[in-house]
Amino acid sequence: GIGVDTHMHRIFNDLKWVDSKTPEKTREQLEGWLPRQKWGEVNWLWVGFGQEVQQQKEKTLRKALACSDPKEALVLIGTLKMDVKKEGKKFGLEEEIEKALSDE
């Protein structure tokens, strides 16, 4: 099955992929709609992403700014409860973040 730790539980609820109170309920809900062949990918992809968003904020922001759609990437990161403007200021990325978020 899908391994869901506390961090993944929070992320999937923040993304509104599930509506659950415990990691076990999150796992059950994910397994209820995610195709079985994707279960393995979910673990390595989201565990790594969740760790990076929480522990390597500058790296995450720089990746978002360098991607093909920085505005969407920054919005996604914000959905996961990172204050992108506040964190960007810490790393001297204020102008780049403002520009990306204002681009239509």
Protein backbone atom coordinates (compact mmCIF):
# COMPACT_ATOMS: atom_id res chain seq x y z
CA GLY A 1 0.00 0.00 0.00
CA ILE A 2 0.86 3.66 0.15
CA GLY A 3 3.00 4.65 3.13
CA VAL A 4 1.68 7.87 4.65
CA ASP A 5 3.63 9.64 7.37
CA THR A 6 2.51 12.73 9.28
CA HIS A 7 4.05 15.09 6.71
CA MET A 8 2.40 13.38 3.75
CA HIS A 9 -0.88 13.31 5.66
CA ARG A 10 -0.70 17.10 6.08
CA ILE A 11 0.35 17.72 2.47
CA PHE A 12 -2.46 15.62 0.97
CA ASN A 13 -5.01 17.37 3.18
CA ASP A 14 -3.57 20.80 2.25
CA LEU A 15 -3.89 19.87 -1.43
CA LYS A 16 -7.49 18.73 -0.76
CA TRP A 17 -6.72 15.29 -2.21
CA VAL A 18 -8.19 13.83 0.98
CA ASP A 19 -10.20 15.00 3.96
CA SER A 20 -8.93 12.98 6.88
CA LYS A 21 -7.86 13.24 10.51
CA THR A 22 -5.13 10.58 10.61
CA PRO A 23 -2.36 9.27 8.34
CA GLU A 24 -4.14 5.89 8.21
CA LYS A 25 -7.37 7.49 6.94
CA THR A 26 -5.32 9.49 4.42
CA ARG A 27 -3.78 6.26 3.14
CA GLU A 28 -7.19 4.63 2.83
CA GLN A 29 -8.63 7.60 0.93
CA LEU A 30 -5.64 7.82 -1.45
CA GLU A 31 -5.79 4.11 -2.16
CA GLY A 32 -9.51 4.52 -2.86
CA TRP A 33 -9.00 6.74 -5.90
CA LEU A 34 -5.33 6.56 -6.95
CA PRO A 35 -4.58 3.77 -9.45
CA ARG A 36 -2.61 0.96 -7.79
CA GLN A 37 0.23 1.25 -10.32
CA LYS A 38 0.89 4.83 -9.06
CA TRP A 39 1.14 3.93 -5.37
CA GLY A 40 4.92 3.41 -5.41
CA GLU A 41 5.52 6.70 -7.22
CA VAL A 42 3.47 8.61 -4.66
CA ASN A 43 5.80 7.60 -1.85
CA TRP A 44 9.15 8.62 -3.28
CA LEU A 45 7.83 11.68 -5.11
CA TRP A 46 5.84 13.26 -2.28
CA VAL A 47 8.13 12.32 0.59
CA GLY A 48 11.02 14.03 -1.18
CA PHE A 49 8.94 17.04 -2.16
CA GLY A 50 7.52 17.41 1.36
CA GLN A 51 10.96 17.24 2.94
CA GLU A 52 12.33 19.81 0.53
CA VAL A 53 9.44 22.25 1.05
CA GLN A 54 9.86 22.05 4.81
CA GLN A 55 13.63 21.79 5.18
CA GLN A 56 15.20 23.33 2.07
CA LYS A 57 13.11 26.40 1.45
CA GLU A 58 15.63 28.36 -0.57
CA LYS A 59 16.22 25.39 -2.89
CA THR A 60 12.46 24.93 -3.31
CA LEU A 61 11.91 28.61 -4.13
CA ARG A 62 14.78 28.69 -6.63
CA LYS A 63 13.42 25.58 -8.37
CA ALA A 64 9.98 27.14 -8.55
CA LEU A 65 11.35 30.37 -10.02
CA ALA A 66 13.36 28.43 -12.62
CA CYS A 67 10.53 26.16 -13.79
CA SER A 68 8.31 26.65 -16.85
CA ASP A 69 5.44 28.15 -14.80
CA PRO A 70 6.89 29.87 -11.73
CA LYS A 71 3.60 31.46 -10.71
CA GLU A 72 1.83 28.09 -10.50
CA ALA A 73 4.79 26.55 -8.69
CA LEU A 74 4.81 29.33 -6.09
CA VAL A 75 1.05 29.01 -5.62
CA LEU A 76 1.46 25.25 -5.05
CA ILE A 77 4.20 25.88 -2.49
CA GLY A 78 1.94 28.43 -0.78
CA THR A 79 -0.84 25.83 -0.63
CA LEU A 80 1.56 23.72 1.41
CA LYS A 81 1.76 26.50 3.98
CA MET A 82 5.08 28.08 3.00
CA ASP A 83 4.90 31.87 3.09
CA VAL A 84 6.76 32.34 -0.20
CA LYS A 85 7.11 36.11 0.16
CA LYS A 86 8.46 35.92 3.71
CA GLU A 87 10.83 33.07 2.90
CA GLY A 88 11.87 34.75 -0.36
CA LYS A 89 12.86 37.86 1.56
CA LYS A 90 15.21 35.78 3.74
CA PHE A 91 17.05 34.59 0.64
CA GLY A 92 17.04 37.84 -1.37
CA LEU A 93 14.42 36.56 -3.83
CA GLU A 94 11.75 39.21 -3.16
CA GLU A 95 11.85 40.85 -6.59
CA GLU A 96 11.89 37.58 -8.50
CA ILE A 97 8.96 36.23 -6.48
CA GLU A 98 6.95 39.45 -6.87
CA LYS A 99 7.56 39.41 -10.63
CA ALA A 100 6.57 35.74 -10.96
CA LEU A 101 3.40 36.19 -8.91
CA SER A 102 2.34 39.27 -10.85
CA ASP A 103 2.91 37.73 -14.31
CA GLU A 104 -0.33 36.87 -16.04
